[in-house]
Amino acid sequence: MVGVKTNRGSIKTGMVLNATAGWCSLIADMAGVKLPIETRPLQACVTEPLKPFLDVVIVSGTLHFYLSQSDRGELVMGAEVDPFTSYSMDSTLNFVEGLAAHVLELFPSLAKVRLMRQWAGLCDMTPDYSPIMGFTPVEGFLVDVGWGTYGFKASPVSGKRMAELIATQATPELIAPFSYDRFYEGKLVGEKGAASVGH
């Protein structure tokens, strides 16, 4: 790796870290690295503010949704990733109808609550639902990708360990199981239940 070309010019460097979530496969392709990742949309929504009544996060592995209440009183809800690969970040009626049906199974009193906003983002899903962290076959090109639906929660520790790897050129023990090579060595790390909703 000799650098990166950006829309603001070229940056020379001997090492590049790809931590681009849903776009990681496209970026890796530019470096000649094939990633075992599917990009899938993940949708969520929020209701009008309500008087506080929920101080925990409700997660249903059976109904495949989560629900929490924000400090402003809004109910924040989501479910599993969409069942197809796509780079589309369009919200769908199908998603919100299915989610509402499941939420109302547990909370029928919410039937008259209005939905205020809905959005979608992209998730980078690996075959074993675990991230890929570390070196790749291209010298100087590293990855911290494949976090799927729960990457933001791990950002502090993954950033610290990736910084350690870059500084020392040695893979920290904590992230060693998440190497790129595990897919070729048959050493997958199963994390399908990590978010408690079906991926």
N, C-alpha and C. Protein backbone atom coordinates (compact mmCIF):
# COMPACT_ATOMS: atom_id res chain seq x y z
N MET A 1 0.85 -1.16 0.00
CA MET A 1 0.00 0.00 0.00
C MET A 1 0.90 1.23 0.00
N VAL A 2 0.62 2.16 -0.89
CA VAL A 2 1.44 3.37 -0.98
C VAL A 2 0.66 4.64 -0.67
N GLY A 3 -0.67 4.52 -0.57
CA GLY A 3 -1.44 5.71 -0.26
C GLY A 3 -2.89 5.56 -0.65
N VAL A 4 -3.61 6.67 -0.56
CA VAL A 4 -5.03 6.72 -0.86
C VAL A 4 -5.30 7.95 -1.72
N LYS A 5 -6.09 7.78 -2.79
CA LYS A 5 -6.53 8.91 -3.60
C LYS A 5 -7.90 9.32 -3.12
N THR A 6 -8.06 10.59 -2.77
CA THR A 6 -9.34 11.11 -2.31
C THR A 6 -9.80 12.23 -3.24
N ASN A 7 -11.01 12.72 -3.04
CA ASN A 7 -11.49 13.84 -3.84
C ASN A 7 -10.82 15.16 -3.45
N ARG A 8 -9.97 15.11 -2.43
CA ARG A 8 -9.20 16.29 -2.01
C ARG A 8 -7.71 16.11 -2.26
N GLY A 9 -7.37 15.09 -3.04
CA GLY A 9 -5.98 14.85 -3.36
C GLY A 9 -5.49 13.51 -2.84
N SER A 10 -4.23 13.23 -3.05
CA SER A 10 -3.63 11.96 -2.65
C SER A 10 -2.98 12.08 -1.28
N ILE A 11 -3.04 11.00 -0.53
CA ILE A 11 -2.40 10.91 0.77
C ILE A 11 -1.44 9.74 0.73
N LYS A 12 -0.16 10.01 0.94
CA LYS A 12 0.83 8.94 0.94
C LYS A 12 0.91 8.32 2.32
N THR A 13 0.89 7.00 2.34
CA THR A 13 1.00 6.27 3.61
C THR A 13 1.40 4.84 3.32
N GLY A 14 2.03 4.22 4.25
CA GLY A 14 2.40 2.82 4.09
C GLY A 14 1.35 1.87 4.63
N MET A 15 0.32 2.43 5.28
CA MET A 15 -0.70 1.59 5.88
C MET A 15 -2.07 2.27 5.79
N VAL A 16 -3.08 1.49 5.39
CA VAL A 16 -4.45 1.99 5.26
C VAL A 16 -5.37 1.04 6.02
N LEU A 17 -6.27 1.59 6.82
CA LEU A 17 -7.25 0.80 7.55
C LEU A 17 -8.63 1.05 6.96
N ASN A 18 -9.28 -0.01 6.51
CA ASN A 18 -10.64 0.06 5.99
C ASN A 18 -11.60 -0.21 7.15
N ALA A 19 -12.32 0.83 7.57
CA ALA A 19 -13.32 0.71 8.63
C ALA A 19 -14.59 1.42 8.14
N THR A 20 -15.08 0.99 6.97
CA THR A 20 -16.14 1.71 6.27
C THR A 20 -17.48 1.01 6.30
N ALA A 21 -17.69 0.12 7.25
CA ALA A 21 -18.99 -0.53 7.51
C ALA A 21 -19.63 -1.06 6.23
N GLY A 22 -20.85 -0.59 5.91
CA GLY A 22 -21.61 -1.14 4.79
C GLY A 22 -20.93 -1.02 3.44
N TRP A 23 -19.97 -0.13 3.32
CA TRP A 23 -19.26 0.06 2.04
C TRP A 23 -17.91 -0.66 2.03
N CYS A 24 -17.61 -1.46 3.05
CA CYS A 24 -16.28 -2.05 3.18
C CYS A 24 -15.88 -2.95 2.02
N SER A 25 -16.84 -3.69 1.46
CA SER A 25 -16.51 -4.57 0.33
C SER A 25 -16.10 -3.77 -0.90
N LEU A 26 -16.78 -2.65 -1.14
CA LEU A 26 -16.44 -1.80 -2.28
C LEU A 26 -15.04 -1.21 -2.13
N ILE A 27 -14.71 -0.76 -0.92
CA ILE A 27 -13.38 -0.20 -0.66
C ILE A 27 -12.31 -1.29 -0.76
N ALA A 28 -12.59 -2.47 -0.20
CA ALA A 28 -11.62 -3.57 -0.27
C ALA A 28 -11.37 -4.00 -1.71
N ASP A 29 -12.42 -3.99 -2.53
CA ASP A 29 -12.25 -4.32 -3.95
C ASP A 29 -11.24 -3.39 -4.61
N MET A 30 -11.23 -2.12 -4.22
CA MET A 30 -10.28 -1.15 -4.78
C MET A 30 -8.84 -1.54 -4.49
N ALA A 31 -8.63 -2.24 -3.36
CA ALA A 31 -7.29 -2.68 -2.98
C ALA A 31 -7.00 -4.10 -3.44
N GLY A 32 -7.98 -4.72 -4.11
CA GLY A 32 -7.78 -6.08 -4.60
C GLY A 32 -8.02 -7.14 -3.54
N VAL A 33 -8.78 -6.81 -2.50
CA VAL A 33 -9.08 -7.76 -1.43
C VAL A 33 -10.56 -8.12 -1.49
N LYS A 34 -10.85 -9.40 -1.57
CA LYS A 34 -12.24 -9.87 -1.57
C LYS A 34 -12.63 -10.19 -0.12
N LEU A 35 -13.71 -9.58 0.33
CA LEU A 35 -14.20 -9.81 1.68
C LEU A 35 -15.43 -10.72 1.66
N PRO A 36 -15.52 -11.67 2.60
CA PRO A 36 -16.70 -12.53 2.70
C PRO A 36 -17.83 -11.82 3.44
N ILE A 37 -18.33 -10.76 2.84
CA ILE A 37 -19.31 -9.90 3.50
C ILE A 37 -20.48 -9.62 2.57
N GLU A 38 -21.68 -9.61 3.15
CA GLU A 38 -22.88 -9.15 2.45
C GLU A 38 -23.32 -7.85 3.10
N THR A 39 -23.71 -6.89 2.28
CA THR A 39 -24.23 -5.63 2.80
C THR A 39 -25.74 -5.69 2.77
N ARG A 40 -26.35 -5.45 3.93
CA ARG A 40 -27.81 -5.52 4.07
C ARG A 40 -28.33 -4.28 4.78
N PRO A 41 -29.51 -3.81 4.38
CA PRO A 41 -30.12 -2.68 5.08
C PRO A 41 -30.61 -3.08 6.47
N LEU A 42 -30.56 -2.13 7.39
CA LEU A 42 -31.12 -2.28 8.73
C LEU A 42 -31.98 -1.05 8.98
N GLN A 43 -33.24 -1.28 9.30
CA GLN A 43 -34.18 -0.18 9.48
C GLN A 43 -34.55 0.01 10.95
N ALA A 44 -34.93 1.22 11.28
CA ALA A 44 -35.39 1.55 12.63
C ALA A 44 -36.39 2.70 12.53
N CYS A 45 -37.05 2.99 13.64
CA CYS A 45 -38.03 4.08 13.64
C CYS A 45 -38.19 4.62 15.06
N VAL A 46 -38.87 5.76 15.14
CA VAL A 46 -39.09 6.40 16.44
C VAL A 46 -40.51 6.98 16.45
N THR A 47 -41.14 6.92 17.62
CA THR A 47 -42.51 7.42 17.77
C THR A 47 -42.51 8.86 18.29
N GLU A 48 -43.69 9.40 18.39
CA GLU A 48 -43.87 10.68 19.07
C GLU A 48 -43.46 10.52 20.53
N PRO A 49 -43.08 11.62 21.19
CA PRO A 49 -42.71 11.52 22.62
C PRO A 49 -43.90 11.10 23.49
N LEU A 50 -43.62 10.23 24.45
CA LEU A 50 -44.62 9.78 25.43
C LEU A 50 -44.08 10.05 26.82
N LYS A 51 -44.98 10.09 27.79
CA LYS A 51 -44.56 10.20 29.18
C LYS A 51 -43.67 9.00 29.50
N PRO A 52 -42.53 9.20 30.16
CA PRO A 52 -41.62 8.09 30.44
C PRO A 52 -42.30 6.94 31.19
N PHE A 53 -42.12 5.73 30.66
CA PHE A 53 -42.65 4.54 31.33
C PHE A 53 -41.71 3.34 31.19
N LEU A 54 -40.67 3.48 30.38
CA LEU A 54 -39.80 2.34 30.08
C LEU A 54 -38.35 2.73 30.34
N ASP A 55 -37.73 2.16 31.38
CA ASP A 55 -36.35 2.51 31.69
C ASP A 55 -35.37 1.37 31.40
N VAL A 56 -35.80 0.42 30.60
CA VAL A 56 -34.94 -0.69 30.17
C VAL A 56 -35.08 -0.84 28.66
N VAL A 57 -34.22 -1.65 28.09
CA VAL A 57 -34.34 -2.00 26.67
C VAL A 57 -35.04 -3.35 26.60
N ILE A 58 -36.10 -3.41 25.83
CA ILE A 58 -36.82 -4.67 25.62
C ILE A 58 -36.29 -5.29 24.33
N VAL A 59 -35.85 -6.53 24.41
CA VAL A 59 -35.37 -7.26 23.23
C VAL A 59 -36.09 -8.59 23.19
N SER A 60 -36.70 -8.89 22.06
CA SER A 60 -37.38 -10.17 21.90
C SER A 60 -36.71 -10.99 20.82
N GLY A 61 -36.07 -12.08 21.23
CA GLY A 61 -35.47 -12.99 20.27
C GLY A 61 -36.51 -13.79 19.50
N THR A 62 -37.70 -13.94 20.08
CA THR A 62 -38.80 -14.66 19.42
C THR A 62 -39.49 -13.79 18.38
N LEU A 63 -39.78 -12.54 18.76
CA LEU A 63 -40.49 -11.63 17.85
C LEU A 63 -39.53 -10.81 16.98
N HIS A 64 -38.23 -10.88 17.27
CA HIS A 64 -37.19 -10.22 16.48
C HIS A 64 -37.35 -8.70 16.43
N PHE A 65 -37.42 -8.08 17.60
CA PHE A 65 -37.42 -6.62 17.65
C PHE A 65 -36.82 -6.15 18.97
N TYR A 66 -36.46 -4.86 18.99
CA TYR A 66 -36.04 -4.22 20.22
C TYR A 66 -36.81 -2.92 20.38
N LEU A 67 -36.91 -2.45 21.63
CA LEU A 67 -37.67 -1.25 21.94
C LEU A 67 -37.06 -0.60 23.17
N SER A 68 -36.84 0.70 23.08
CA SER A 68 -36.38 1.45 24.25
C SER A 68 -37.01 2.84 24.19
N GLN A 69 -36.92 3.57 25.30
CA GLN A 69 -37.47 4.92 25.33
C GLN A 69 -36.34 5.91 25.53
N SER A 70 -36.31 6.93 24.70
CA SER A 70 -35.26 7.95 24.78
C SER A 70 -35.53 8.91 25.93
N ASP A 71 -34.55 9.75 26.23
CA ASP A 71 -34.71 10.76 27.29
C ASP A 71 -35.81 11.75 26.95
N ARG A 72 -36.12 11.90 25.65
CA ARG A 72 -37.19 12.82 25.23
C ARG A 72 -38.55 12.15 25.22
N GLY A 73 -38.60 10.85 25.56
CA GLY A 73 -39.86 10.13 25.62
C GLY A 73 -40.22 9.36 24.37
N GLU A 74 -39.43 9.48 23.31
CA GLU A 74 -39.71 8.76 22.07
C GLU A 74 -39.41 7.27 22.24
N LEU A 75 -40.20 6.42 21.63
CA LEU A 75 -39.90 5.00 21.61
C LEU A 75 -39.06 4.72 20.37
N VAL A 76 -37.89 4.15 20.58
CA VAL A 76 -36.97 3.81 19.50
C VAL A 76 -37.10 2.31 19.26
N MET A 77 -37.40 1.93 18.02
CA MET A 77 -37.69 0.53 17.71
C MET A 77 -36.94 0.08 16.46
N GLY A 78 -36.59 -1.19 16.46
CA GLY A 78 -35.95 -1.77 15.29
C GLY A 78 -36.10 -3.27 15.32
N ALA A 79 -35.59 -3.91 14.28
CA ALA A 79 -35.70 -5.36 14.16
C ALA A 79 -34.44 -5.91 13.52
N GLU A 80 -34.56 -7.05 12.89
CA GLU A 80 -33.42 -7.68 12.26
C GLU A 80 -33.10 -6.99 10.93
N VAL A 81 -31.93 -7.31 10.36
CA VAL A 81 -31.56 -6.77 9.06
C VAL A 81 -32.54 -7.27 8.01
N ASP A 82 -32.68 -6.50 6.93
CA ASP A 82 -33.54 -6.93 5.84
C ASP A 82 -33.02 -8.25 5.26
N PRO A 83 -33.91 -9.10 4.75
CA PRO A 83 -33.50 -10.44 4.31
C PRO A 83 -32.91 -10.48 2.89
N PHE A 84 -32.33 -9.38 2.44
CA PHE A 84 -31.74 -9.33 1.10
C PHE A 84 -30.53 -8.41 1.11
N THR A 85 -29.62 -8.63 0.19
CA THR A 85 -28.46 -7.75 0.08
C THR A 85 -28.85 -6.53 -0.75
N SER A 86 -28.36 -5.38 -0.31
CA SER A 86 -28.69 -4.13 -1.01
C SER A 86 -27.88 -2.99 -0.42
N TYR A 87 -27.65 -1.97 -1.24
CA TYR A 87 -27.05 -0.73 -0.75
C TYR A 87 -28.11 0.35 -0.59
N SER A 88 -29.37 -0.02 -0.69
CA SER A 88 -30.46 0.94 -0.57
C SER A 88 -30.67 1.31 0.90
N MET A 89 -30.82 2.61 1.14
CA MET A 89 -31.13 3.06 2.49
C MET A 89 -32.53 3.68 2.54
N ASP A 90 -33.41 3.15 1.71
CA ASP A 90 -34.80 3.59 1.71
C ASP A 90 -35.57 2.85 2.79
N SER A 91 -36.41 3.56 3.50
CA SER A 91 -37.30 2.94 4.48
C SER A 91 -38.47 2.30 3.75
N THR A 92 -39.02 1.23 4.33
CA THR A 92 -40.11 0.54 3.65
C THR A 92 -41.33 0.40 4.56
N LEU A 93 -42.49 0.41 3.94
CA LEU A 93 -43.74 0.19 4.67
C LEU A 93 -43.79 -1.23 5.21
N ASN A 94 -43.29 -2.18 4.44
CA ASN A 94 -43.28 -3.58 4.86
C ASN A 94 -42.58 -3.75 6.21
N PHE A 95 -41.44 -3.08 6.38
CA PHE A 95 -40.69 -3.16 7.64
C PHE A 95 -41.52 -2.64 8.80
N VAL A 96 -42.05 -1.43 8.66
CA VAL A 96 -42.74 -0.80 9.78
C VAL A 96 -44.04 -1.53 10.12
N GLU A 97 -44.72 -2.09 9.13
CA GLU A 97 -45.94 -2.87 9.41
C GLU A 97 -45.60 -4.13 10.21
N GLY A 98 -44.55 -4.83 9.81
CA GLY A 98 -44.14 -6.04 10.53
C GLY A 98 -43.67 -5.74 11.94
N LEU A 99 -42.88 -4.67 12.08
CA LEU A 99 -42.39 -4.27 13.40
C LEU A 99 -43.55 -3.88 14.31
N ALA A 100 -44.46 -3.06 13.80
CA ALA A 100 -45.60 -2.62 14.61
C ALA A 100 -46.43 -3.81 15.09
N ALA A 101 -46.63 -4.79 14.23
CA ALA A 101 -47.40 -5.97 14.63
C ALA A 101 -46.75 -6.68 15.81
N HIS A 102 -45.42 -6.82 15.76
CA HIS A 102 -44.72 -7.51 16.85
C HIS A 102 -44.70 -6.69 18.13
N VAL A 103 -44.48 -5.39 17.99
CA VAL A 103 -44.48 -4.53 19.18
C VAL A 103 -45.85 -4.56 19.87
N LEU A 104 -46.91 -4.53 19.07
CA LEU A 104 -48.26 -4.53 19.65
C LEU A 104 -48.63 -5.86 20.28
N GLU A 105 -47.94 -6.94 19.92
CA GLU A 105 -48.18 -8.21 20.61
C GLU A 105 -47.80 -8.10 22.08
N LEU A 106 -46.73 -7.37 22.37
CA LEU A 106 -46.28 -7.20 23.75
C LEU A 106 -46.85 -5.96 24.42
N PHE A 107 -47.12 -4.91 23.62
CA PHE A 107 -47.61 -3.65 24.16
C PHE A 107 -48.85 -3.18 23.40
N PRO A 108 -49.98 -3.84 23.58
CA PRO A 108 -51.19 -3.43 22.83
C PRO A 108 -51.63 -2.01 23.14
N SER A 109 -51.25 -1.47 24.28
CA SER A 109 -51.65 -0.11 24.64
C SER A 109 -50.97 0.96 23.78
N LEU A 110 -50.01 0.56 22.96
CA LEU A 110 -49.31 1.51 22.09
C LEU A 110 -49.98 1.65 20.72
N ALA A 111 -51.14 1.05 20.53
CA ALA A 111 -51.79 1.02 19.22
C ALA A 111 -52.06 2.39 18.63
N LYS A 112 -52.30 3.41 19.44
CA LYS A 112 -52.64 4.74 18.93
C LYS A 112 -51.43 5.68 18.85
N VAL A 113 -50.26 5.19 19.22
CA VAL A 113 -49.05 6.03 19.20
C VAL A 113 -48.62 6.27 17.75
N ARG A 114 -48.28 7.51 17.44
CA ARG A 114 -47.90 7.87 16.08
C ARG A 114 -46.40 7.68 15.83
N LEU A 115 -46.09 7.19 14.66
CA LEU A 115 -44.70 7.04 14.22
C LEU A 115 -44.25 8.39 13.67
N MET A 116 -43.08 8.86 14.10
CA MET A 116 -42.60 10.18 13.67
C MET A 116 -41.54 10.09 12.57
N ARG A 117 -40.58 9.19 12.72
CA ARG A 117 -39.48 9.08 11.74
C ARG A 117 -39.11 7.62 11.55
N GLN A 118 -38.61 7.34 10.37
CA GLN A 118 -38.14 6.00 10.03
C GLN A 118 -36.89 6.18 9.18
N TRP A 119 -35.91 5.30 9.34
CA TRP A 119 -34.67 5.43 8.58
C TRP A 119 -34.06 4.06 8.36
N ALA A 120 -33.03 4.02 7.53
CA ALA A 120 -32.32 2.77 7.26
C ALA A 120 -30.83 3.08 7.14
N GLY A 121 -30.03 2.08 7.46
CA GLY A 121 -28.58 2.18 7.30
C GLY A 121 -28.07 0.87 6.73
N LEU A 122 -26.77 0.78 6.52
CA LEU A 122 -26.19 -0.41 5.93
C LEU A 122 -25.38 -1.19 6.95
N CYS A 123 -25.51 -2.50 6.91
CA CYS A 123 -24.76 -3.39 7.80
C CYS A 123 -23.88 -4.31 6.98
N ASP A 124 -22.68 -4.51 7.44
CA ASP A 124 -21.72 -5.40 6.78
C ASP A 124 -21.72 -6.74 7.52
N MET A 125 -22.35 -7.74 6.92
CA MET A 125 -22.58 -9.03 7.59
C MET A 125 -21.61 -10.10 7.08
N THR A 126 -20.89 -10.71 8.01
CA THR A 126 -19.99 -11.83 7.67
C THR A 126 -20.75 -13.15 7.82
N PRO A 127 -20.22 -14.25 7.25
CA PRO A 127 -20.90 -15.54 7.37
C PRO A 127 -21.06 -16.02 8.82
N ASP A 128 -20.12 -15.63 9.71
CA ASP A 128 -20.23 -16.07 11.11
C ASP A 128 -20.71 -14.95 12.04
N TYR A 129 -21.14 -13.81 11.46
CA TYR A 129 -21.69 -12.69 12.21
C TYR A 129 -20.69 -12.06 13.17
N SER A 130 -19.41 -12.24 12.91
CA SER A 130 -18.35 -11.64 13.71
C SER A 130 -17.51 -10.73 12.83
N PRO A 131 -16.85 -9.75 13.41
CA PRO A 131 -16.06 -8.82 12.61
C PRO A 131 -14.80 -9.46 12.03
N ILE A 132 -14.23 -8.78 11.07
CA ILE A 132 -12.91 -9.14 10.52
C ILE A 132 -11.98 -8.01 10.91
N MET A 133 -10.92 -8.35 11.64
CA MET A 133 -10.00 -7.33 12.15
C MET A 133 -8.56 -7.75 11.90
N GLY A 134 -7.80 -6.85 11.30
CA GLY A 134 -6.37 -7.10 11.16
C GLY A 134 -5.86 -7.03 9.73
N PHE A 135 -4.79 -7.77 9.51
CA PHE A 135 -4.09 -7.77 8.22
C PHE A 135 -4.90 -8.49 7.15
N THR A 136 -4.63 -8.13 5.90
CA THR A 136 -5.23 -8.79 4.74
C THR A 136 -4.08 -9.29 3.86
N PRO A 137 -4.39 -10.00 2.77
CA PRO A 137 -3.32 -10.46 1.87
C PRO A 137 -2.55 -9.31 1.20
N VAL A 138 -3.10 -8.11 1.17
CA VAL A 138 -2.40 -6.97 0.59
C VAL A 138 -1.60 -6.26 1.68
N GLU A 139 -0.31 -6.22 1.53
CA GLU A 139 0.55 -5.62 2.54
C GLU A 139 0.18 -4.15 2.77
N GLY A 140 0.02 -3.79 4.02
CA GLY A 140 -0.31 -2.42 4.36
C GLY A 140 -1.78 -2.08 4.31
N PHE A 141 -2.62 -3.06 3.95
CA PHE A 141 -4.08 -2.83 3.90
C PHE A 141 -4.73 -3.65 4.99
N LEU A 142 -5.26 -2.97 6.01
CA LEU A 142 -5.89 -3.63 7.15
C LEU A 142 -7.39 -3.38 7.14
N VAL A 143 -8.12 -4.22 7.85
CA VAL A 143 -9.58 -4.07 7.92
C VAL A 143 -10.06 -4.15 9.37
N ASP A 144 -11.12 -3.41 9.63
CA ASP A 144 -11.90 -3.50 10.87
C ASP A 144 -13.35 -3.38 10.40
N VAL A 145 -13.90 -4.48 9.90
CA VAL A 145 -15.19 -4.49 9.20
C VAL A 145 -16.02 -5.69 9.65
N GLY A 146 -17.23 -5.78 9.12
CA GLY A 146 -18.07 -6.94 9.41
C GLY A 146 -18.76 -6.88 10.76
N TRP A 147 -18.97 -5.69 11.28
CA TRP A 147 -19.58 -5.55 12.60
C TRP A 147 -21.09 -5.72 12.57
N GLY A 148 -21.68 -5.76 11.41
CA GLY A 148 -23.11 -6.03 11.33
C GLY A 148 -23.96 -5.02 12.05
N THR A 149 -24.78 -5.49 12.98
CA THR A 149 -25.75 -4.63 13.65
C THR A 149 -25.26 -4.06 14.97
N TYR A 150 -24.07 -4.39 15.41
CA TYR A 150 -23.66 -3.94 16.74
C TYR A 150 -22.28 -3.30 16.79
N GLY A 151 -21.79 -2.78 15.68
CA GLY A 151 -20.44 -2.24 15.64
C GLY A 151 -20.20 -1.01 16.48
N PHE A 152 -21.17 -0.08 16.53
CA PHE A 152 -20.92 1.17 17.24
C PHE A 152 -20.64 0.94 18.72
N LYS A 153 -21.19 -0.13 19.28
CA LYS A 153 -20.98 -0.41 20.71
C LYS A 153 -19.54 -0.87 20.97
N ALA A 154 -18.91 -1.43 19.94
CA ALA A 154 -17.56 -1.95 20.10
C ALA A 154 -16.49 -0.98 19.60
N SER A 155 -16.89 0.18 19.10
CA SER A 155 -15.94 1.12 18.50
C SER A 155 -14.77 1.49 19.41
N PRO A 156 -14.99 1.80 20.69
CA PRO A 156 -13.85 2.20 21.52
C PRO A 156 -12.78 1.11 21.64
N VAL A 157 -13.19 -0.11 21.95
CA VAL A 157 -12.18 -1.16 22.14
C VAL A 157 -11.57 -1.60 20.81
N SER A 158 -12.38 -1.64 19.73
CA SER A 158 -11.80 -2.06 18.46
C SER A 158 -10.83 -1.00 17.95
N GLY A 159 -11.16 0.28 18.16
CA GLY A 159 -10.24 1.34 17.75
C GLY A 159 -8.92 1.27 18.51
N LYS A 160 -9.01 0.99 19.79
CA LYS A 160 -7.80 0.90 20.61
C LYS A 160 -6.93 -0.27 20.17
N ARG A 161 -7.54 -1.42 19.93
CA ARG A 161 -6.76 -2.60 19.53
C ARG A 161 -6.21 -2.47 18.11
N MET A 162 -6.97 -1.83 17.21
CA MET A 162 -6.45 -1.63 15.86
C MET A 162 -5.30 -0.63 15.88
N ALA A 163 -5.37 0.39 16.73
CA ALA A 163 -4.26 1.34 16.88
C ALA A 163 -3.02 0.62 17.40
N GLU A 164 -3.22 -0.29 18.34
CA GLU A 164 -2.11 -1.08 18.86
C GLU A 164 -1.49 -1.94 17.77
N LEU A 165 -2.33 -2.58 16.96
CA LEU A 165 -1.83 -3.41 15.85
C LEU A 165 -1.01 -2.57 14.87
N ILE A 166 -1.53 -1.39 14.52
CA ILE A 166 -0.82 -0.53 13.57
C ILE A 166 0.51 -0.05 14.15
N ALA A 167 0.52 0.31 15.43
CA ALA A 167 1.73 0.82 16.07
C ALA A 167 2.80 -0.25 16.25
N THR A 168 2.36 -1.48 16.57
CA THR A 168 3.33 -2.54 16.90
C THR A 168 3.55 -3.55 15.78
N GLN A 169 2.65 -3.55 14.79
CA GLN A 169 2.67 -4.54 13.70
C GLN A 169 2.44 -5.96 14.21
N ALA A 170 1.90 -6.10 15.43
CA ALA A 170 1.58 -7.39 16.02
C ALA A 170 0.10 -7.41 16.39
N THR A 171 -0.58 -8.52 16.10
CA THR A 171 -2.01 -8.62 16.38
C THR A 171 -2.25 -8.83 17.87
N PRO A 172 -2.99 -7.93 18.52
CA PRO A 172 -3.31 -8.12 19.93
C PRO A 172 -4.11 -9.41 20.14
N GLU A 173 -3.89 -10.06 21.26
CA GLU A 173 -4.55 -11.33 21.56
C GLU A 173 -6.08 -11.22 21.51
N LEU A 174 -6.61 -10.09 21.96
CA LEU A 174 -8.06 -9.90 22.01
C LEU A 174 -8.72 -10.00 20.64
N ILE A 175 -8.04 -9.55 19.59
CA ILE A 175 -8.66 -9.56 18.26
C ILE A 175 -8.14 -10.67 17.35
N ALA A 176 -7.21 -11.46 17.83
CA ALA A 176 -6.63 -12.53 17.00
C ALA A 176 -7.68 -13.49 16.42
N PRO A 177 -8.72 -13.88 17.16
CA PRO A 177 -9.71 -14.80 16.58
C PRO A 177 -10.49 -14.21 15.40
N PHE A 178 -10.45 -12.90 15.22
CA PHE A 178 -11.24 -12.25 14.17
C PHE A 178 -10.44 -11.96 12.91
N SER A 179 -9.40 -12.73 12.67
CA SER A 179 -8.53 -12.47 11.52
C SER A 179 -9.23 -12.78 10.20
N TYR A 180 -8.75 -12.18 9.15
CA TYR A 180 -9.23 -12.41 7.78
C TYR A 180 -9.05 -13.88 7.40
N ASP A 181 -7.96 -14.48 7.85
CA ASP A 181 -7.61 -15.86 7.47
C ASP A 181 -8.55 -16.91 8.04
N ARG A 182 -9.34 -16.58 9.05
CA ARG A 182 -10.18 -17.60 9.68
C ARG A 182 -11.15 -18.24 8.69
N PHE A 183 -11.55 -17.52 7.67
CA PHE A 183 -12.49 -18.06 6.68
C PHE A 183 -11.84 -19.12 5.81
N TYR A 184 -10.51 -19.06 5.66
CA TYR A 184 -9.79 -20.04 4.86
C TYR A 184 -9.29 -21.20 5.72
N GLU A 185 -9.18 -20.95 7.03
CA GLU A 185 -8.69 -21.97 7.95
C GLU A 185 -9.83 -22.73 8.64
N GLY A 186 -11.07 -22.32 8.39
CA GLY A 186 -12.22 -22.98 9.01
C GLY A 186 -12.35 -22.72 10.50
N LYS A 187 -11.91 -21.55 10.95
CA LYS A 187 -11.96 -21.20 12.37
C LYS A 187 -12.96 -20.07 12.60
N LEU A 188 -14.21 -20.30 12.20
CA LEU A 188 -15.23 -19.28 12.32
C LEU A 188 -15.56 -19.00 13.78
N VAL A 189 -16.02 -17.78 14.04
CA VAL A 189 -16.37 -17.36 15.39
C VAL A 189 -17.87 -17.06 15.38
N GLY A 190 -18.69 -17.96 15.90
CA GLY A 190 -20.14 -17.80 15.85
C GLY A 190 -20.64 -16.74 16.79
N GLU A 191 -21.31 -15.71 16.27
CA GLU A 191 -21.87 -14.65 17.08
C GLU A 191 -23.31 -14.34 16.72
N LYS A 192 -24.03 -15.29 16.14
CA LYS A 192 -25.37 -15.00 15.64
C LYS A 192 -26.33 -14.51 16.71
N GLY A 193 -26.13 -14.89 17.94
CA GLY A 193 -27.03 -14.47 19.01
C GLY A 193 -26.59 -13.22 19.72
N ALA A 194 -25.56 -12.55 19.24
CA ALA A 194 -24.97 -11.43 19.97
C ALA A 194 -25.95 -10.29 20.22
N ALA A 195 -26.81 -10.01 19.27
CA ALA A 195 -27.73 -8.89 19.42
C ALA A 195 -29.10 -9.33 19.95
N SER A 196 -29.27 -10.61 20.20
CA SER A 196 -30.51 -11.18 20.71
C SER A 196 -31.71 -11.05 19.76
N VAL A 197 -31.45 -10.61 18.56
CA VAL A 197 -32.48 -10.66 17.52
C VAL A 197 -31.87 -11.37 16.34
N GLY A 198 -32.67 -12.10 15.60
CA GLY A 198 -32.15 -12.86 14.48
C GLY A 198 -31.54 -11.97 13.43
N HIS A 199 -30.34 -12.29 13.01
CA HIS A 199 -29.70 -11.52 11.95
C HIS A 199 -30.15 -12.11 10.63
